[in-house]
């Protein structure tokens, strides 16, 4: 059974930083891609960043230069480092186990429970 557990969310002032973690279990983590999504009420979930098993990355235009994604296969964990946060980054952030291939991320049905990020102005 695949399990994804997000952590690291919280309340931060604009311009601040947070690091989110996505810990995976029950899956062949080292050969899997992980995607970070975010969702605000009334809107569709959007892809923020993704990283492949080969450490290729994809970032949404809205977060380029501010967010980075990395992975530690020894810890079965993917990190989303978020800097220079803006109020519009406020959302619930979810991780997903899927496939990043040729610049496109293909999500699976495996999702974490989400972690709330709130950025105050």
C-alpha atoms as a PDB file:
ATOM      1  CA  UNK A   1       0.000   0.000   0.000  1.00  0.00           C
ATOM      2  CA  UNK A   2       1.482   3.310  -1.106  1.00  0.00           C
ATOM      3  CA  UNK A   3       1.417   6.062   1.486  1.00  0.00           C
ATOM      4  CA  UNK A   4       2.466   9.668   1.055  1.00  0.00           C
ATOM      5  CA  UNK A   5       2.719  11.968   4.048  1.00  0.00           C
ATOM      6  CA  UNK A   6       3.274  15.711   3.682  1.00  0.00           C
ATOM      7  CA  UNK A   7       4.636  17.940   6.419  1.00  0.00           C
ATOM      8  CA  UNK A   8       6.167  21.352   6.895  1.00  0.00           C
ATOM      9  CA  UNK A   9       3.249  23.634   6.175  1.00  0.00           C
ATOM     10  CA  UNK A  10       2.335  26.583   8.337  1.00  0.00           C
ATOM     11  CA  UNK A  11       1.797  30.311   8.557  1.00  0.00           C
ATOM     12  CA  UNK A  12       4.534  32.589   7.264  1.00  0.00           C
ATOM     13  CA  UNK A  13       4.843  36.251   6.399  1.00  0.00           C
ATOM     14  CA  UNK A  14       5.242  37.346   2.817  1.00  0.00           C
ATOM     15  CA  UNK A  15       8.865  37.074   1.733  1.00  0.00           C
ATOM     16  CA  UNK A  16       9.470  34.204   4.109  1.00  0.00           C
ATOM     17  CA  UNK A  17      10.398  30.596   3.471  1.00  0.00           C
ATOM     18  CA  UNK A  18       9.081  27.125   4.186  1.00  0.00           C
ATOM     19  CA  UNK A  19      10.262  23.648   3.336  1.00  0.00           C
ATOM     20  CA  UNK A  20       7.677  20.986   2.672  1.00  0.00           C
ATOM     21  CA  UNK A  21       8.453  17.281   2.903  1.00  0.00           C
ATOM     22  CA  UNK A  22       6.747  14.341   1.252  1.00  0.00           C
ATOM     23  CA  UNK A  23       7.657  10.996   2.805  1.00  0.00           C
ATOM     24  CA  UNK A  24       6.737   7.894   0.816  1.00  0.00           C
ATOM     25  CA  UNK A  25       6.316   4.303   1.879  1.00  0.00           C
ATOM     26  CA  UNK A  26       5.083   1.126   0.258  1.00  0.00           C
ATOM     27  CA  UNK A  27       6.353   2.051  -3.192  1.00  0.00           C
ATOM     28  CA  UNK A  28       9.546   1.657  -5.246  1.00  0.00           C
ATOM     29  CA  UNK A  29      10.410   5.242  -4.401  1.00  0.00           C
ATOM     30  CA  UNK A  30      13.775   5.454  -6.142  1.00  0.00           C
ATOM     31  CA  UNK A  31      12.213   4.712  -9.552  1.00  0.00           C
ATOM     32  CA  UNK A  32       9.179   6.929  -9.052  1.00  0.00           C
ATOM     33  CA  UNK A  33       8.517  10.558  -9.835  1.00  0.00           C
ATOM     34  CA  UNK A  34       6.902  12.837  -7.285  1.00  0.00           C
ATOM     35  CA  UNK A  35       4.798  15.873  -8.017  1.00  0.00           C
ATOM     36  CA  UNK A  36       3.765  18.703  -5.709  1.00  0.00           C
ATOM     37  CA  UNK A  37       0.354  20.230  -6.336  1.00  0.00           C
ATOM     38  CA  UNK A  38      -1.563  22.994  -4.615  1.00  0.00           C
ATOM     39  CA  UNK A  39      -5.225  23.774  -4.367  1.00  0.00           C
ATOM     40  CA  UNK A  40      -7.301  26.676  -3.145  1.00  0.00           C
ATOM     41  CA  UNK A  41     -11.044  26.418  -2.494  1.00  0.00           C
ATOM     42  CA  UNK A  42     -13.077  26.593  -5.660  1.00  0.00           C
ATOM     43  CA  UNK A  43     -10.136  26.020  -7.974  1.00  0.00           C
ATOM     44  CA  UNK A  44      -8.581  23.002  -9.616  1.00  0.00           C
ATOM     45  CA  UNK A  45      -5.494  21.433  -8.184  1.00  0.00           C
ATOM     46  CA  UNK A  46      -2.426  22.778 -10.030  1.00  0.00           C
ATOM     47  CA  UNK A  47       1.019  21.275 -10.490  1.00  0.00           C
ATOM     48  CA  UNK A  48       3.709  23.303  -8.756  1.00  0.00           C
ATOM     49  CA  UNK A  49       6.798  21.132  -9.187  1.00  0.00           C
ATOM     50  CA  UNK A  50       7.845  17.611 -10.053  1.00  0.00           C
ATOM     51  CA  UNK A  51      11.000  15.531  -9.914  1.00  0.00           C
ATOM     52  CA  UNK A  52      11.809  12.319 -11.741  1.00  0.00           C
ATOM     53  CA  UNK A  53      13.744   9.294 -10.605  1.00  0.00           C
ATOM     54  CA  UNK A  54      16.649  10.662 -12.645  1.00  0.00           C
ATOM     55  CA  UNK A  55      16.431  13.993 -10.805  1.00  0.00           C
ATOM     56  CA  UNK A  56      14.966  15.917 -13.735  1.00  0.00           C
ATOM     57  CA  UNK A  57      12.712  18.675 -12.491  1.00  0.00           C
ATOM     58  CA  UNK A  58       9.752  20.691 -13.677  1.00  0.00           C
ATOM     59  CA  UNK A  59       8.547  23.919 -12.097  1.00  0.00           C
ATOM     60  CA  UNK A  60       5.454  25.965 -12.780  1.00  0.00           C
ATOM     61  CA  UNK A  61       6.214  29.390 -14.230  1.00  0.00           C
ATOM     62  CA  UNK A  62       4.629  31.063 -11.206  1.00  0.00           C
ATOM     63  CA  UNK A  63       7.225  29.594  -8.839  1.00  0.00           C
ATOM     64  CA  UNK A  64      10.382  29.557 -10.947  1.00  0.00           C
ATOM     65  CA  UNK A  65      13.198  31.347  -9.184  1.00  0.00           C
ATOM     66  CA  UNK A  66      11.447  30.967  -5.819  1.00  0.00           C
ATOM     67  CA  UNK A  67      10.790  27.233  -5.332  1.00  0.00           C
ATOM     68  CA  UNK A  68      13.113  24.287  -5.723  1.00  0.00           C
ATOM     69  CA  UNK A  69      12.344  20.576  -5.589  1.00  0.00           C
ATOM     70  CA  UNK A  70      14.780  17.901  -4.484  1.00  0.00           C
ATOM     71  CA  UNK A  71      14.768  14.311  -3.345  1.00  0.00           C
ATOM     72  CA  UNK A  72      16.645  12.093  -0.923  1.00  0.00           C
ATOM     73  CA  UNK A  73      16.215   8.478  -2.003  1.00  0.00           C
ATOM     74  CA  UNK A  74      17.883   7.203   1.167  1.00  0.00           C
ATOM     75  CA  UNK A  75      15.042   8.791   3.137  1.00  0.00           C
ATOM     76  CA  UNK A  76      12.270   8.149   0.586  1.00  0.00           C
ATOM     77  CA  UNK A  77      11.515  11.853   0.796  1.00  0.00           C
ATOM     78  CA  UNK A  78      10.967  14.709  -1.641  1.00  0.00           C
ATOM     79  CA  UNK A  79      11.341  18.308  -0.521  1.00  0.00           C
ATOM     80  CA  UNK A  80       9.800  21.504  -1.802  1.00  0.00           C
ATOM     81  CA  UNK A  81      11.843  24.504  -0.704  1.00  0.00           C
ATOM     82  CA  UNK A  82       9.728  27.617  -0.990  1.00  0.00           C
ATOM     83  CA  UNK A  83      11.317  31.056  -0.727  1.00  0.00           C
ATOM     84  CA  UNK A  84      10.111  34.623  -1.205  1.00  0.00           C
ATOM     85  CA  UNK A  85       6.596  33.415  -0.502  1.00  0.00           C
ATOM     86  CA  UNK A  86       3.657  35.527  -1.644  1.00  0.00           C
ATOM     87  CA  UNK A  87       0.055  35.624  -0.407  1.00  0.00           C
ATOM     88  CA  UNK A  88      -1.003  33.992  -3.685  1.00  0.00           C
ATOM     89  CA  UNK A  89       1.024  30.911  -2.685  1.00  0.00           C
ATOM     90  CA  UNK A  90      -1.533  30.271   0.056  1.00  0.00           C
ATOM     91  CA  UNK A  91      -3.055  26.838  -0.580  1.00  0.00           C
ATOM     92  CA  UNK A  92      -3.171  23.249   0.550  1.00  0.00           C
ATOM     93  CA  UNK A  93      -0.138  21.498  -0.880  1.00  0.00           C
ATOM     94  CA  UNK A  94      -0.344  17.832  -1.869  1.00  0.00           C
ATOM     95  CA  UNK A  95       2.244  15.382  -3.124  1.00  0.00           C
ATOM     96  CA  UNK A  96       1.562  12.708  -5.692  1.00  0.00           C
ATOM     97  CA  UNK A  97       3.463   9.649  -6.870  1.00  0.00           C
ATOM     98  CA  UNK A  98       3.459   9.596 -10.663  1.00  0.00           C
ATOM     99  CA  UNK A  99       5.674   9.928 -13.714  1.00  0.00           C
ATOM    100  CA  UNK A 100       7.636  12.872 -15.095  1.00  0.00           C
ATOM    101  CA  UNK A 101       8.412  12.100 -18.713  1.00  0.00           C
ATOM    102  CA  UNK A 102       9.590  14.432 -21.472  1.00  0.00           C
ATOM    103  CA  UNK A 103       8.601  17.467 -19.476  1.00  0.00           C
ATOM    104  CA  UNK A 104       5.087  16.285 -18.676  1.00  0.00           C
ATOM    105  CA  UNK A 105       3.980  15.034 -15.295  1.00  0.00           C
ATOM    106  CA  UNK A 106       1.463  12.203 -15.251  1.00  0.00           C
ATOM    107  CA  UNK A 107      -0.200  11.906 -11.847  1.00  0.00           C
ATOM    108  CA  UNK A 108      -1.410   8.675 -10.329  1.00  0.00           C
ATOM    109  CA  UNK A 109      -4.229   8.112  -7.868  1.00  0.00           C
ATOM    110  CA  UNK A 110      -1.772   8.148  -4.971  1.00  0.00           C
ATOM    111  CA  UNK A 111      -2.044  11.387  -3.007  1.00  0.00           C
ATOM    112  CA  UNK A 112      -1.018  12.543   0.416  1.00  0.00           C
ATOM    113  CA  UNK A 113      -3.445  14.195   2.808  1.00  0.00           C
ATOM    114  CA  UNK A 114      -2.117  17.683   2.156  1.00  0.00           C
ATOM    115  CA  UNK A 115      -0.495  20.383   4.259  1.00  0.00           C
ATOM    116  CA  UNK A 116      -1.750  23.945   4.590  1.00  0.00           C
ATOM    117  CA  UNK A 117       0.503  26.839   3.646  1.00  0.00           C
ATOM    118  CA  UNK A 118      -0.711  30.316   4.551  1.00  0.00           C
ATOM    119  CA  UNK A 119       1.230  33.413   3.558  1.00  0.00           C
ATOM    120  CA  UNK A 120       0.231  36.673   5.185  1.00  0.00           C
ATOM    121  CA  UNK A 121       0.696  40.017   3.524  1.00  0.00           C
END
